[in-house]
Protein backbone atom coordinates (compact mmCIF):
# COMPACT_ATOMS: atom_id res chain seq x y z
CA UNK A 1 65.58 -77.37 -15.30
CA UNK A 2 67.11 -76.89 -11.86
CA UNK A 3 65.94 -73.28 -11.74
CA UNK A 4 62.38 -74.44 -12.43
CA UNK A 5 62.50 -77.03 -9.67
CA UNK A 6 63.83 -74.59 -7.07
CA UNK A 7 61.88 -71.53 -8.18
CA UNK A 8 60.11 -69.45 -5.54
CA UNK A 9 56.72 -70.77 -6.62
CA UNK A 10 57.80 -74.39 -6.38
CA UNK A 11 59.33 -73.95 -2.93
CA UNK A 12 56.19 -72.21 -1.66
CA UNK A 13 54.03 -74.95 -3.17
CA UNK A 14 56.12 -77.56 -1.34
CA UNK A 15 55.72 -75.60 1.92
CA UNK A 16 51.95 -75.56 1.36
CA UNK A 17 51.95 -79.34 0.86
CA UNK A 18 53.98 -79.84 4.05
CA UNK A 19 51.67 -77.51 5.98
CA UNK A 20 48.65 -79.45 4.73
CA UNK A 21 50.21 -82.69 5.94
CA UNK A 22 51.05 -81.07 9.28
CA UNK A 23 47.51 -79.82 9.87
CA UNK A 24 46.06 -83.18 8.75
CA UNK A 25 48.37 -84.98 11.17
CA UNK A 26 47.38 -82.66 14.02
CA UNK A 27 43.71 -83.29 13.23
CA UNK A 28 44.22 -87.04 13.31
CA UNK A 29 45.88 -86.89 16.73
CA UNK A 30 43.19 -84.82 18.45
CA UNK A 31 42.58 -87.50 21.08
CA UNK A 32 46.18 -87.22 22.27
CA UNK A 33 46.03 -83.48 23.00
CA UNK A 34 43.59 -80.85 24.13
CA UNK A 35 41.10 -80.18 21.33
CA UNK A 36 41.32 -76.40 21.77
CA UNK A 37 45.10 -76.33 21.44
CA UNK A 38 45.02 -78.49 18.33
CA UNK A 39 42.20 -76.43 16.83
CA UNK A 40 44.08 -73.17 17.35
CA UNK A 41 47.25 -74.70 15.90
CA UNK A 42 45.35 -75.90 12.82
CA UNK A 43 43.80 -72.43 12.36
CA UNK A 44 47.24 -70.82 12.57
CA UNK A 45 48.72 -73.25 10.02
CA UNK A 46 45.73 -72.65 7.76
CA UNK A 47 46.12 -68.89 7.82
CA UNK A 48 49.85 -69.14 7.18
CA UNK A 49 48.85 -71.10 4.08
CA UNK A 50 46.24 -68.46 3.22
CA UNK A 51 48.89 -65.75 3.46
CA UNK A 52 51.19 -67.66 1.11
CA UNK A 53 48.38 -68.12 -1.41
CA UNK A 54 47.24 -64.50 -1.26
CA UNK A 55 50.69 -62.96 -1.46
CA UNK A 56 52.41 -65.40 -3.81
CA UNK A 57 49.82 -67.01 -6.07
CA UNK A 58 47.43 -64.06 -6.22
CA UNK A 59 50.50 -61.85 -6.70
CA UNK A 60 49.72 -59.35 -3.96
CA UNK A 61 53.44 -59.40 -3.05
CA UNK A 62 54.16 -56.93 -5.85
CA UNK A 63 51.03 -54.86 -5.27
CA UNK A 64 50.76 -51.45 -3.58
CA UNK A 65 51.25 -51.19 0.18
CA UNK A 66 47.55 -50.66 0.88
CA UNK A 67 46.79 -54.07 -0.66
CA UNK A 68 49.37 -55.67 1.64
CA UNK A 69 47.70 -54.04 4.61
CA UNK A 70 44.22 -55.10 3.52
CA UNK A 71 45.40 -58.68 2.94
CA UNK A 72 47.21 -58.89 6.26
CA UNK A 73 44.32 -57.20 8.05
CA UNK A 74 41.81 -59.65 6.62
CA UNK A 75 43.98 -62.60 7.63
CA UNK A 76 44.43 -61.26 11.17
CA UNK A 77 40.74 -60.41 11.58
CA UNK A 78 39.33 -63.71 10.37
CA UNK A 79 41.93 -65.89 12.10
CA UNK A 80 41.47 -63.89 15.32
CA UNK A 81 37.71 -64.33 15.17
CA UNK A 82 38.03 -68.07 14.54
CA UNK A 83 40.56 -68.55 17.34
CA UNK A 84 38.35 -66.54 19.71
CA UNK A 85 35.37 -68.68 18.74
CA UNK A 86 37.30 -71.89 19.43
CA UNK A 87 38.52 -70.65 22.80
CA UNK A 88 35.09 -69.37 23.89
CA UNK A 89 33.35 -72.60 22.88
CA UNK A 90 34.92 -74.49 25.79
């Protein structure tokens, strides 16, 4: 039972839950900080979560190297575009 509770999947799921709470908390406190900084931080947390989901739950972790590169490239491209959009919108 202990091995099920502390399996890799369970630990990553718990990290995803904590990251969701973190980004929700940052979104609730937008008035206390600069909106751009909070928005960029939320985007970064979101794409860390996306990477966990892609590599762990979609099982790309055990896939060929080119799939790792495509996954990481997609994450970097989309998060970069979103962060650029947030920073330009000011």
